Amino acid sequence: MSTMPLPRRRLLKLAAANLALTTLALPRIARAQTYPSRPITMIVPYTAGGPTDTVGRVVAERMRAELGQPVVLENVAGAGGSIGLGRLARSAPDGYTINVGNWSAHVINGAIYSLLYDLKTDFEPIALLAQAPQMVVAKKATPADDLKGFIAWLKANPKTTAGTAGIGSPPHIGGVLFQNMTDITLQFVHYRGVALATQDLVAGQIDMAIADVTTATPQVRAGTIKAYAVAAPTRLPALPDVPTADEAGLPGFHVATWNALFAPKGTPKAIIEKLNAAAVTALADPAVRARFAAVGQEIPPREQQTPEALAALNKADIEKWWPIVKAANIKAE
């Protein structure tokens, strides 16, 4: 069977098309091969001093050694982390702007705010960094000695103030669950970040908080606030004397959050892989592991540190928590 030769004009068109495709692909390939050639900005969607900021700084410092370029943190706080994520969504997908986000910004905000980006599709997962439970804490002057006594005190004091890191933040969601499970009413005071709420708790300006262990642990150790229970099935190695909520009389009160790295949608896979490899190496460093353990942050197993695993976790948490938050009618102010 014979084949007819293609007309010369068509051959030239095909050759030109192939050349154009190759030319378009070359810059992306070249960028991935030489990446990174300048400093990387890591957006933290909260104020400095909070748990996400702490995790980001520890990891960024170690990633610098792997990438050969500085990883510079930029705190872009406001609207429960949504302003920082908006900045990331608008950034060029070239690997030079990433973010250290968390469960609140990448999951809960989608059920509370009218966002200008899509949490399900506008970000490329890089790596899950750490997970941490919340903890029931109160100002030092609180008279109760244990969780049952504290709950009784709360019922006798219906104007109790509870600090949060903003509407929809982990302390807020945890506080809503806590009041629902204990049949109490809390007056939430929303701050622009957990560090500010912790400062007022230490100063006695607010009564309590469902706090992130990263921020609360140093204060509990220093004796400046009281810790009544950890909202997890097991005790924290960093605070072995603090009972779990199950042990202390509030079974099933479990609230845990996570921190992870994300990039803008469309970031080349090769760059995502380089960033993931740097993060995984950082998480394996004994010094990083020790610093995380000291503040109650748990590093996930290696198989949970892949971009695919983070994507699956993010999707599962959105499916789990959006209906819960919407049912509680939590709205942005």
C-alpha atoms as a PDB file:
ATOM      1  CA  MET A   1       0.000   0.000   0.000  1.00  0.00           C
ATOM      2  CA  SER A   2       1.471   3.316  -1.045  1.00  0.00           C
ATOM      3  CA  THR A   3       1.185   6.608   0.837  1.00  0.00           C
ATOM      4  CA  MET A   4       0.866   9.966  -0.770  1.00  0.00           C
ATOM      5  CA  PRO A   5       3.501  12.488   0.245  1.00  0.00           C
ATOM      6  CA  LEU A   6       2.240  15.506   2.194  1.00  0.00           C
ATOM      7  CA  PRO A   7       2.177  18.735   0.224  1.00  0.00           C
ATOM      8  CA  ARG A   8       5.239  20.897   0.878  1.00  0.00           C
ATOM      9  CA  ARG A   9       3.173  23.755   2.279  1.00  0.00           C
ATOM     10  CA  ARG A  10       1.519  21.481   4.856  1.00  0.00           C
ATOM     11  CA  LEU A  11       4.877  20.052   5.885  1.00  0.00           C
ATOM     12  CA  LEU A  12       6.170  23.554   6.484  1.00  0.00           C
ATOM     13  CA  LYS A  13       3.111  24.403   8.593  1.00  0.00           C
ATOM     14  CA  LEU A  14       3.555  21.276  10.722  1.00  0.00           C
ATOM     15  CA  ALA A  15       7.233  22.019  11.224  1.00  0.00           C
ATOM     16  CA  ALA A  16       6.461  25.587  12.237  1.00  0.00           C
ATOM     17  CA  ALA A  17       3.811  24.407  14.712  1.00  0.00           C
ATOM     18  CA  ASN A  18       6.192  21.917  16.310  1.00  0.00           C
ATOM     19  CA  LEU A  19       8.872  24.578  16.593  1.00  0.00           C
ATOM     20  CA  ALA A  20       6.423  26.965  18.257  1.00  0.00           C
ATOM     21  CA  LEU A  21       5.387  24.362  20.820  1.00  0.00           C
ATOM     22  CA  THR A  22       8.986  23.547  21.606  1.00  0.00           C
ATOM     23  CA  THR A  23       9.830  27.235  21.936  1.00  0.00           C
ATOM     24  CA  LEU A  24       6.945  27.760  24.362  1.00  0.00           C
ATOM     25  CA  ALA A  25       7.995  24.791  26.486  1.00  0.00           C
ATOM     26  CA  LEU A  26      11.683  25.686  26.659  1.00  0.00           C
ATOM     27  CA  PRO A  27      11.363  28.660  29.050  1.00  0.00           C
ATOM     28  CA  ARG A  28       9.374  26.543  31.544  1.00  0.00           C
ATOM     29  CA  ILE A  29      11.892  23.710  31.326  1.00  0.00           C
ATOM     30  CA  ALA A  30      14.817  26.109  31.651  1.00  0.00           C
ATOM     31  CA  ARG A  31      13.215  27.826  34.663  1.00  0.00           C
ATOM     32  CA  ALA A  32      12.701  24.496  36.399  1.00  0.00           C
ATOM     33  CA  GLN A  33      16.296  23.426  35.734  1.00  0.00           C
ATOM     34  CA  THR A  34      17.837  26.651  37.054  1.00  0.00           C
ATOM     35  CA  TYR A  35      15.332  27.179  39.875  1.00  0.00           C
ATOM     36  CA  PRO A  36      15.849  28.833  42.250  1.00  0.00           C
ATOM     37  CA  SER A  37      18.143  31.592  41.042  1.00  0.00           C
ATOM     38  CA  ARG A  38      16.930  34.273  43.496  1.00  0.00           C
ATOM     39  CA  PRO A  39      15.283  34.520  46.945  1.00  0.00           C
ATOM     40  CA  ILE A  40      11.883  32.907  47.531  1.00  0.00           C
ATOM     41  CA  THR A  41       9.078  34.720  49.355  1.00  0.00           C
ATOM     42  CA  MET A  42       7.062  32.619  51.797  1.00  0.00           C
ATOM     43  CA  ILE A  43       3.770  34.338  52.637  1.00  0.00           C
ATOM     44  CA  VAL A  44       2.462  33.819  56.172  1.00  0.00           C
ATOM     45  CA  PRO A  45      -1.234  34.828  56.204  1.00  0.00           C
ATOM     46  CA  TYR A  46      -1.084  35.767  59.900  1.00  0.00           C
ATOM     47  CA  THR A  47       0.822  38.046  62.252  1.00  0.00           C
ATOM     48  CA  ALA A  48       4.325  37.180  63.437  1.00  0.00           C
ATOM     49  CA  GLY A  49       4.607  35.021  66.528  1.00  0.00           C
ATOM     50  CA  GLY A  50       1.676  32.689  65.864  1.00  0.00           C
ATOM     51  CA  PRO A  51       1.889  28.923  65.238  1.00  0.00           C
ATOM     52  CA  THR A  52       1.872  29.136  61.435  1.00  0.00           C
ATOM     53  CA  ASP A  53       4.561  31.816  61.538  1.00  0.00           C
ATOM     54  CA  THR A  54       6.664  29.666  63.906  1.00  0.00           C
ATOM     55  CA  VAL A  55       6.390  26.579  61.689  1.00  0.00           C
ATOM     56  CA  GLY A  56       7.206  28.634  58.589  1.00  0.00           C
ATOM     57  CA  ARG A  57      10.329  30.189  60.098  1.00  0.00           C
ATOM     58  CA  VAL A  58      11.744  26.879  61.285  1.00  0.00           C
ATOM     59  CA  VAL A  59      11.187  25.176  57.921  1.00  0.00           C
ATOM     60  CA  ALA A  60      12.288  28.166  55.814  1.00  0.00           C
ATOM     61  CA  GLU A  61      15.607  28.333  57.639  1.00  0.00           C
ATOM     62  CA  ARG A  62      16.364  24.682  56.829  1.00  0.00           C
ATOM     63  CA  MET A  63      15.017  24.827  53.252  1.00  0.00           C
ATOM     64  CA  ARG A  64      17.493  27.588  52.482  1.00  0.00           C
ATOM     65  CA  ALA A  65      20.352  25.127  52.839  1.00  0.00           C
ATOM     66  CA  GLU A  66      18.725  22.741  50.351  1.00  0.00           C
ATOM     67  CA  LEU A  67      17.677  25.336  47.775  1.00  0.00           C
ATOM     68  CA  GLY A  68      20.778  27.531  47.933  1.00  0.00           C
ATOM     69  CA  GLN A  69      18.644  30.680  48.162  1.00  0.00           C
ATOM     70  CA  PRO A  70      17.059  32.584  51.069  1.00  0.00           C
ATOM     71  CA  VAL A  71      13.427  31.825  51.880  1.00  0.00           C
ATOM     72  CA  VAL A  72      12.100  35.144  53.203  1.00  0.00           C
ATOM     73  CA  LEU A  73       8.913  35.230  55.271  1.00  0.00           C
ATOM     74  CA  GLU A  74       6.354  37.980  54.659  1.00  0.00           C
ATOM     75  CA  ASN A  75       3.457  38.328  57.088  1.00  0.00           C
ATOM     76  CA  VAL A  76       0.266  39.331  55.238  1.00  0.00           C
ATOM     77  CA  ALA A  77      -2.425  39.178  57.930  1.00  0.00           C
ATOM     78  CA  GLY A  78      -6.125  39.948  57.928  1.00  0.00           C
ATOM     79  CA  ALA A  79      -9.565  38.415  57.311  1.00  0.00           C
ATOM     80  CA  GLY A  80      -8.648  35.107  58.905  1.00  0.00           C
ATOM     81  CA  GLY A  81      -5.748  34.541  56.524  1.00  0.00           C
ATOM     82  CA  SER A  82      -7.749  35.180  53.343  1.00  0.00           C
ATOM     83  CA  ILE A  83      -5.812  38.342  52.455  1.00  0.00           C
ATOM     84  CA  GLY A  84      -2.521  36.463  52.433  1.00  0.00           C
ATOM     85  CA  LEU A  85      -3.971  33.658  50.326  1.00  0.00           C
ATOM     86  CA  GLY A  86      -5.383  36.216  47.912  1.00  0.00           C
ATOM     87  CA  ARG A  87      -1.889  37.580  47.482  1.00  0.00           C
ATOM     88  CA  LEU A  88      -0.627  34.074  46.731  1.00  0.00           C
ATOM     89  CA  ALA A  89      -3.424  33.403  44.220  1.00  0.00           C
ATOM     90  CA  ARG A  90      -2.439  36.545  42.280  1.00  0.00           C
ATOM     91  CA  SER A  91       1.290  35.735  42.288  1.00  0.00           C
ATOM     92  CA  ALA A  92       3.197  34.426  39.270  1.00  0.00           C
ATOM     93  CA  PRO A  93       3.328  30.608  39.238  1.00  0.00           C
ATOM     94  CA  ASP A  94       7.124  30.555  39.041  1.00  0.00           C
ATOM     95  CA  GLY A  95       8.023  29.152  42.464  1.00  0.00           C
ATOM     96  CA  TYR A  96       9.282  32.446  43.853  1.00  0.00           C
ATOM     97  CA  THR A  97       6.137  33.087  45.890  1.00  0.00           C
ATOM     98  CA  ILE A  98       4.775  30.291  48.079  1.00  0.00           C
ATOM     99  CA  ASN A  99       2.895  30.256  51.351  1.00  0.00           C
ATOM    100  CA  VAL A 100       2.827  28.422  54.621  1.00  0.00           C
ATOM    101  CA  GLY A 101      -0.883  28.022  55.135  1.00  0.00           C
ATOM    102  CA  ASN A 102      -3.009  26.162  57.614  1.00  0.00           C
ATOM    103  CA  TRP A 103      -6.257  24.312  58.156  1.00  0.00           C
ATOM    104  CA  SER A 104      -8.153  27.505  58.852  1.00  0.00           C
ATOM    105  CA  ALA A 105      -7.058  29.494  55.792  1.00  0.00           C
ATOM    106  CA  HIS A 106      -7.156  26.585  53.330  1.00  0.00           C
ATOM    107  CA  VAL A 107     -10.299  24.871  54.636  1.00  0.00           C
ATOM    108  CA  ILE A 108     -12.523  26.804  57.059  1.00  0.00           C
ATOM    109  CA  ASN A 109     -12.421  30.175  55.283  1.00  0.00           C
ATOM    110  CA  GLY A 110     -14.236  28.696  52.300  1.00  0.00           C
ATOM    111  CA  ALA A 111     -17.329  28.209  54.465  1.00  0.00           C
ATOM    112  CA  ILE A 112     -17.173  31.683  56.019  1.00  0.00           C
ATOM    113  CA  TYR A 113     -15.887  34.230  53.489  1.00  0.00           C
ATOM    114  CA  SER A 114     -16.851  35.147  49.944  1.00  0.00           C
ATOM    115  CA  LEU A 115     -13.397  34.515  48.500  1.00  0.00           C
ATOM    116  CA  LEU A 116     -11.999  35.826  45.229  1.00  0.00           C
ATOM    117  CA  TYR A 117     -10.197  32.528  44.693  1.00  0.00           C
ATOM    118  CA  ASP A 118     -11.112  28.845  44.827  1.00  0.00           C
ATOM    119  CA  LEU A 119      -9.564  26.867  47.689  1.00  0.00           C
ATOM    120  CA  LYS A 120     -10.099  23.643  45.748  1.00  0.00           C
ATOM    121  CA  THR A 121      -8.407  24.632  42.477  1.00  0.00           C
ATOM    122  CA  ASP A 122      -6.297  27.801  42.765  1.00  0.00           C
ATOM    123  CA  PHE A 123      -3.338  26.399  44.724  1.00  0.00           C
ATOM    124  CA  GLU A 124      -0.746  23.699  44.138  1.00  0.00           C
ATOM    125  CA  PRO A 125      -0.035  21.558  47.228  1.00  0.00           C
ATOM    126  CA  ILE A 126       3.656  21.188  48.097  1.00  0.00           C
ATOM    127  CA  ALA A 127       3.988  19.445  51.464  1.00  0.00           C
ATOM    128  CA  LEU A 128       2.244  18.889  54.791  1.00  0.00           C
ATOM    129  CA  LEU A 129       4.601  20.201  57.482  1.00  0.00           C
ATOM    130  CA  ALA A 130       3.033  19.649  60.881  1.00  0.00           C
ATOM    131  CA  GLN A 131      -0.128  18.878  62.779  1.00  0.00           C
ATOM    132  CA  ALA A 132      -1.103  20.080  66.245  1.00  0.00           C
ATOM    133  CA  PRO A 133      -4.066  19.774  68.594  1.00  0.00           C
ATOM    134  CA  GLN A 134      -5.715  22.655  70.406  1.00  0.00           C
ATOM    135  CA  MET A 135      -5.644  23.089  74.182  1.00  0.00           C
ATOM    136  CA  VAL A 136      -8.100  24.456  76.763  1.00  0.00           C
ATOM    137  CA  VAL A 137      -6.286  27.281  78.573  1.00  0.00           C
ATOM    138  CA  ALA A 138      -7.286  30.104  80.896  1.00  0.00           C
ATOM    139  CA  LYS A 139      -5.835  33.142  82.630  1.00  0.00           C
ATOM    140  CA  LYS A 140      -3.660  32.421  85.641  1.00  0.00           C
ATOM    141  CA  ALA A 141      -6.156  33.844  88.153  1.00  0.00           C
ATOM    142  CA  THR A 142      -8.881  31.359  87.216  1.00  0.00           C
ATOM    143  CA  PRO A 143      -9.863  29.545  90.428  1.00  0.00           C
ATOM    144  CA  ALA A 144     -10.605  26.096  88.961  1.00  0.00           C
ATOM    145  CA  ASP A 145      -7.989  23.348  89.338  1.00  0.00           C
ATOM    146  CA  ASP A 146      -9.199  20.903  86.659  1.00  0.00           C
ATOM    147  CA  LEU A 147     -11.390  20.817  83.546  1.00  0.00           C
ATOM    148  CA  LYS A 148     -14.576  19.773  85.353  1.00  0.00           C
ATOM    149  CA  GLY A 149     -14.109  22.587  87.843  1.00  0.00           C
ATOM    150  CA  PHE A 150     -13.369  25.011  85.015  1.00  0.00           C
ATOM    151  CA  ILE A 151     -16.554  24.080  83.165  1.00  0.00           C
ATOM    152  CA  ALA A 152     -18.521  24.578  86.395  1.00  0.00           C
ATOM    153  CA  TRP A 153     -16.883  27.987  86.808  1.00  0.00           C
ATOM    154  CA  LEU A 154     -17.784  28.910  83.213  1.00  0.00           C
ATOM    155  CA  LYS A 155     -21.432  28.018  83.820  1.00  0.00           C
ATOM    156  CA  ALA A 156     -21.444  30.228  86.889  1.00  0.00           C
ATOM    157  CA  ASN A 157     -19.855  33.081  84.899  1.00  0.00           C
ATOM    158  CA  PRO A 158     -21.844  33.434  81.645  1.00  0.00           C
ATOM    159  CA  LYS A 159     -19.965  36.550  80.524  1.00  0.00           C
ATOM    160  CA  THR A 160     -16.678  34.678  80.139  1.00  0.00           C
ATOM    161  CA  THR A 161     -14.529  36.017  77.290  1.00  0.00           C
ATOM    162  CA  ALA A 162     -12.695  33.662  74.938  1.00  0.00           C
ATOM    163  CA  GLY A 163      -9.918  34.930  72.688  1.00  0.00           C
ATOM    164  CA  THR A 164      -9.545  33.784  69.094  1.00  0.00           C
ATOM    165  CA  ALA A 165      -7.189  34.484  66.206  1.00  0.00           C
ATOM    166  CA  GLY A 166     -10.088  35.790  64.136  1.00  0.00           C
ATOM    167  CA  ILE A 167     -13.450  34.597  62.863  1.00  0.00           C
ATOM    168  CA  GLY A 168     -13.126  31.036  61.636  1.00  0.00           C
ATOM    169  CA  SER A 169      -9.688  30.543  63.158  1.00  0.00           C
ATOM    170  CA  PRO A 170      -8.923  27.259  64.942  1.00  0.00           C
ATOM    171  CA  PRO A 171      -9.469  28.851  68.399  1.00  0.00           C
ATOM    172  CA  HIS A 172     -12.860  30.111  67.193  1.00  0.00           C
ATOM    173  CA  ILE A 173     -13.998  26.799  65.676  1.00  0.00           C
ATOM    174  CA  GLY A 174     -12.639  24.964  68.717  1.00  0.00           C
ATOM    175  CA  GLY A 175     -14.434  27.407  71.019  1.00  0.00           C
ATOM    176  CA  VAL A 176     -17.753  26.876  69.244  1.00  0.00           C
ATOM    177  CA  LEU A 177     -17.363  23.107  69.578  1.00  0.00           C
ATOM    178  CA  PHE A 178     -16.361  23.507  73.255  1.00  0.00           C
ATOM    179  CA  GLN A 179     -19.402  25.590  74.154  1.00  0.00           C
ATOM    180  CA  ASN A 180     -21.705  23.225  72.264  1.00  0.00           C
ATOM    181  CA  MET A 181     -20.320  20.189  74.089  1.00  0.00           C
ATOM    182  CA  THR A 182     -20.425  21.842  77.536  1.00  0.00           C
ATOM    183  CA  ASP A 183     -23.709  23.756  77.184  1.00  0.00           C
ATOM    184  CA  ILE A 184     -22.087  27.081  78.023  1.00  0.00           C
ATOM    185  CA  THR A 185     -22.048  30.474  76.310  1.00  0.00           C
ATOM    186  CA  LEU A 186     -18.800  32.264  75.518  1.00  0.00           C
ATOM    187  CA  GLN A 187     -18.242  35.848  74.431  1.00  0.00           C
ATOM    188  CA  PHE A 188     -15.676  35.568  71.655  1.00  0.00           C
ATOM    189  CA  VAL A 189     -13.076  38.293  71.265  1.00  0.00           C
ATOM    190  CA  HIS A 190     -11.539  38.129  67.790  1.00  0.00           C
ATOM    191  CA  TYR A 191      -7.926  39.258  67.378  1.00  0.00           C
ATOM    192  CA  ARG A 192      -5.752  39.647  64.281  1.00  0.00           C
ATOM    193  CA  GLY A 193      -3.647  36.629  65.140  1.00  0.00           C
ATOM    194  CA  VAL A 194      -3.179  34.177  67.989  1.00  0.00           C
ATOM    195  CA  ALA A 195      -0.116  35.979  69.360  1.00  0.00           C
ATOM    196  CA  LEU A 196      -2.205  39.048  70.244  1.00  0.00           C
ATOM    197  CA  ALA A 197      -4.866  36.892  71.895  1.00  0.00           C
ATOM    198  CA  THR A 198      -2.199  35.097  73.928  1.00  0.00           C
ATOM    199  CA  GLN A 199      -0.736  38.397  75.101  1.00  0.00           C
ATOM    200  CA  ASP A 200      -4.109  39.501  76.463  1.00  0.00           C
ATOM    201  CA  LEU A 201      -4.705  36.082  78.047  1.00  0.00           C
ATOM    202  CA  VAL A 202      -1.371  36.329  79.873  1.00  0.00           C
ATOM    203  CA  ALA A 203      -2.266  39.877  80.948  1.00  0.00           C
ATOM    204  CA  GLY A 204      -5.658  38.701  82.232  1.00  0.00           C
ATOM    205  CA  GLN A 205      -7.606  40.876  79.783  1.00  0.00           C
ATOM    206  CA  ILE A 206      -9.562  37.831  78.528  1.00  0.00           C
ATOM    207  CA  ASP A 207     -10.592  34.732  80.454  1.00  0.00           C
ATOM    208  CA  MET A 208      -9.780  31.738  78.278  1.00  0.00           C
ATOM    209  CA  ALA A 209      -8.992  30.349  74.851  1.00  0.00           C
ATOM    210  CA  ILE A 210      -8.962  27.134  72.889  1.00  0.00           C
ATOM    211  CA  ALA A 211      -5.353  27.758  71.957  1.00  0.00           C
ATOM    212  CA  ASP A 212      -2.850  26.310  69.546  1.00  0.00           C
ATOM    213  CA  VAL A 213      -0.247  24.314  71.453  1.00  0.00           C
ATOM    214  CA  THR A 214       2.613  26.073  69.650  1.00  0.00           C
ATOM    215  CA  THR A 215       1.742  29.411  71.206  1.00  0.00           C
ATOM    216  CA  ALA A 216       0.331  28.126  74.498  1.00  0.00           C
ATOM    217  CA  THR A 217       3.054  25.634  75.478  1.00  0.00           C
ATOM    218  CA  PRO A 218       5.755  28.199  76.411  1.00  0.00           C
ATOM    219  CA  GLN A 219       3.246  30.143  78.501  1.00  0.00           C
ATOM    220  CA  VAL A 220       1.991  27.009  80.264  1.00  0.00           C
ATOM    221  CA  ARG A 221       5.556  26.025  81.085  1.00  0.00           C
ATOM    222  CA  ALA A 222       6.275  29.529  82.372  1.00  0.00           C
ATOM    223  CA  GLY A 223       3.197  29.397  84.590  1.00  0.00           C
ATOM    224  CA  THR A 224       1.645  32.529  83.085  1.00  0.00           C
ATOM    225  CA  ILE A 225      -1.568  30.708  82.032  1.00  0.00           C
ATOM    226  CA  LYS A 226      -3.378  27.540  83.130  1.00  0.00           C
ATOM    227  CA  ALA A 227      -3.850  24.482  80.914  1.00  0.00           C
ATOM    228  CA  TYR A 228      -6.832  22.224  81.601  1.00  0.00           C
ATOM    229  CA  ALA A 229      -6.819  19.734  78.732  1.00  0.00           C
ATOM    230  CA  VAL A 230      -5.417  18.832  75.321  1.00  0.00           C
ATOM    231  CA  ALA A 231      -8.056  18.403  72.603  1.00  0.00           C
ATOM    232  CA  ALA A 232      -6.560  15.152  71.333  1.00  0.00           C
ATOM    233  CA  PRO A 233      -6.715  11.405  72.070  1.00  0.00           C
ATOM    234  CA  THR A 234      -3.161  11.365  73.495  1.00  0.00           C
ATOM    235  CA  ARG A 235      -1.122  13.639  75.747  1.00  0.00           C
ATOM    236  CA  LEU A 236       1.549  15.939  74.400  1.00  0.00           C
ATOM    237  CA  PRO A 237       5.174  14.914  74.942  1.00  0.00           C
ATOM    238  CA  ALA A 238       5.953  18.602  75.475  1.00  0.00           C
ATOM    239  CA  LEU A 239       3.362  18.835  78.304  1.00  0.00           C
ATOM    240  CA  PRO A 240       3.016  15.324  79.751  1.00  0.00           C
ATOM    241  CA  ASP A 241       1.214  16.535  82.896  1.00  0.00           C
ATOM    242  CA  VAL A 242      -1.682  18.085  80.982  1.00  0.00           C
ATOM    243  CA  PRO A 243      -4.468  15.492  80.568  1.00  0.00           C
ATOM    244  CA  THR A 244      -6.403  14.865  77.405  1.00  0.00           C
ATOM    245  CA  ALA A 245      -9.990  16.084  77.218  1.00  0.00           C
ATOM    246  CA  ASP A 246     -11.082  12.434  77.333  1.00  0.00           C
ATOM    247  CA  GLU A 247      -9.193  11.923  80.586  1.00  0.00           C
ATOM    248  CA  ALA A 248     -10.339  15.240  82.064  1.00  0.00           C
ATOM    249  CA  GLY A 249     -14.056  14.615  81.601  1.00  0.00           C
ATOM    250  CA  LEU A 250     -14.941  15.914  78.132  1.00  0.00           C
ATOM    251  CA  PRO A 251     -14.716  12.826  75.909  1.00  0.00           C
ATOM    252  CA  GLY A 252     -14.656  13.417  72.168  1.00  0.00           C
ATOM    253  CA  PHE A 253     -13.462  17.000  72.323  1.00  0.00           C
ATOM    254  CA  HIS A 254     -10.802  16.701  69.606  1.00  0.00           C
ATOM    255  CA  VAL A 255      -9.642  19.662  67.504  1.00  0.00           C
ATOM    256  CA  ALA A 256      -6.404  19.464  65.530  1.00  0.00           C
ATOM    257  CA  THR A 257      -4.995  21.754  62.875  1.00  0.00           C
ATOM    258  CA  TRP A 258      -2.238  21.495  60.291  1.00  0.00           C
ATOM    259  CA  ASN A 259       0.300  23.708  58.524  1.00  0.00           C
ATOM    260  CA  ALA A 260       1.459  23.131  54.966  1.00  0.00           C
ATOM    261  CA  LEU A 261       3.170  24.670  51.955  1.00  0.00           C
ATOM    262  CA  PHE A 262       1.277  25.735  48.824  1.00  0.00           C
ATOM    263  CA  ALA A 263       2.132  27.483  45.539  1.00  0.00           C
ATOM    264  CA  PRO A 264      -0.039  29.345  43.003  1.00  0.00           C
ATOM    265  CA  LYS A 265      -1.985  27.315  40.466  1.00  0.00           C
ATOM    266  CA  GLY A 266       0.081  26.486  37.396  1.00  0.00           C
ATOM    267  CA  THR A 267       3.464  26.283  39.117  1.00  0.00           C
ATOM    268  CA  PRO A 268       5.509  23.756  37.079  1.00  0.00           C
ATOM    269  CA  LYS A 269       5.604  20.248  38.484  1.00  0.00           C
ATOM    270  CA  ALA A 270       9.409  20.203  38.455  1.00  0.00           C
ATOM    271  CA  ILE A 271       9.476  23.252  40.731  1.00  0.00           C
ATOM    272  CA  ILE A 272       6.866  21.738  43.050  1.00  0.00           C
ATOM    273  CA  GLU A 273       9.051  18.633  43.274  1.00  0.00           C
ATOM    274  CA  LYS A 274      12.125  20.707  44.198  1.00  0.00           C
ATOM    275  CA  LEU A 275      10.235  22.563  46.881  1.00  0.00           C
ATOM    276  CA  ASN A 276       8.769  19.329  48.219  1.00  0.00           C
ATOM    277  CA  ALA A 277      12.205  17.688  48.348  1.00  0.00           C
ATOM    278  CA  ALA A 278      13.586  20.663  50.294  1.00  0.00           C
ATOM    279  CA  ALA A 279      10.671  20.559  52.739  1.00  0.00           C
ATOM    280  CA  VAL A 280      10.950  16.797  53.239  1.00  0.00           C
ATOM    281  CA  THR A 281      14.677  17.128  53.946  1.00  0.00           C
ATOM    282  CA  ALA A 282      13.939  19.901  56.438  1.00  0.00           C
ATOM    283  CA  LEU A 283      11.362  17.763  58.251  1.00  0.00           C
ATOM    284  CA  ALA A 284      13.884  14.924  58.564  1.00  0.00           C
ATOM    285  CA  ASP A 285      16.443  17.175  60.255  1.00  0.00           C
ATOM    286  CA  PRO A 286      16.783  16.268  63.974  1.00  0.00           C
ATOM    287  CA  ALA A 287      17.085  19.954  64.904  1.00  0.00           C
ATOM    288  CA  VAL A 288      13.808  20.799  63.139  1.00  0.00           C
ATOM    289  CA  ARG A 289      12.068  17.806  64.704  1.00  0.00           C
ATOM    290  CA  ALA A 290      13.262  18.846  68.150  1.00  0.00           C
ATOM    291  CA  ARG A 291      12.043  22.423  67.704  1.00  0.00           C
ATOM    292  CA  PHE A 292       8.630  21.223  66.542  1.00  0.00           C
ATOM    293  CA  ALA A 293       8.331  18.732  69.407  1.00  0.00           C
ATOM    294  CA  ALA A 294       9.189  21.427  71.934  1.00  0.00           C
ATOM    295  CA  VAL A 295       6.071  23.378  70.969  1.00  0.00           C
ATOM    296  CA  GLY A 296       3.736  20.435  70.418  1.00  0.00           C
ATOM    297  CA  GLN A 297       3.882  20.287  66.624  1.00  0.00           C
ATOM    298  CA  GLU A 298       3.807  16.729  65.245  1.00  0.00           C
ATOM    299  CA  ILE A 299       5.626  15.992  61.970  1.00  0.00           C
ATOM    300  CA  PRO A 300       3.558  13.684  59.751  1.00  0.00           C
ATOM    301  CA  PRO A 301       4.921  10.329  58.504  1.00  0.00           C
ATOM    302  CA  ARG A 302       6.965  10.469  55.293  1.00  0.00           C
ATOM    303  CA  GLU A 303       4.135   9.083  53.148  1.00  0.00           C
ATOM    304  CA  GLN A 304       1.938  12.015  54.214  1.00  0.00           C
ATOM    305  CA  GLN A 305       4.497  14.614  53.101  1.00  0.00           C
ATOM    306  CA  THR A 306       3.828  14.320  49.353  1.00  0.00           C
ATOM    307  CA  PRO A 307       1.891  16.885  47.278  1.00  0.00           C
ATOM    308  CA  GLU A 308      -0.684  14.199  46.507  1.00  0.00           C
ATOM    309  CA  ALA A 309      -1.230  13.402  50.199  1.00  0.00           C
ATOM    310  CA  LEU A 310      -1.685  17.085  51.026  1.00  0.00           C
ATOM    311  CA  ALA A 311      -4.194  17.467  48.198  1.00  0.00           C
ATOM    312  CA  ALA A 312      -6.176  14.512  49.555  1.00  0.00           C
ATOM    313  CA  LEU A 313      -6.094  15.894  53.129  1.00  0.00           C
ATOM    314  CA  ASN A 314      -7.232  19.339  52.013  1.00  0.00           C
ATOM    315  CA  LYS A 315     -10.103  17.864  49.996  1.00  0.00           C
ATOM    316  CA  ALA A 316     -11.206  15.576  52.831  1.00  0.00           C
ATOM    317  CA  ASP A 317     -11.182  18.389  55.407  1.00  0.00           C
ATOM    318  CA  ILE A 318     -13.203  20.669  53.135  1.00  0.00           C
ATOM    319  CA  GLU A 319     -15.809  17.933  52.731  1.00  0.00           C
ATOM    320  CA  LYS A 320     -15.876  17.311  56.508  1.00  0.00           C
ATOM    321  CA  TRP A 321     -15.767  20.832  57.974  1.00  0.00           C
ATOM    322  CA  TRP A 322     -17.689  23.032  55.519  1.00  0.00           C
ATOM    323  CA  PRO A 323     -21.068  21.500  56.477  1.00  0.00           C
ATOM    324  CA  ILE A 324     -20.228  21.799  60.212  1.00  0.00           C
ATOM    325  CA  VAL A 325     -19.209  25.457  59.981  1.00  0.00           C
ATOM    326  CA  LYS A 326     -22.193  26.376  57.825  1.00  0.00           C
ATOM    327  CA  ALA A 327     -24.542  24.635  60.257  1.00  0.00           C
ATOM    328  CA  ALA A 328     -23.072  26.747  63.077  1.00  0.00           C
ATOM    329  CA  ASN A 329     -23.829  29.866  60.969  1.00  0.00           C
ATOM    330  CA  ILE A 330     -20.352  31.337  61.464  1.00  0.00           C
ATOM    331  CA  LYS A 331     -20.095  34.413  59.237  1.00  0.00           C
ATOM    332  CA  ALA A 332     -17.391  36.961  58.524  1.00  0.00           C
ATOM    333  CA  GLU A 333     -18.043  40.378  60.013  1.00  0.00           C
END
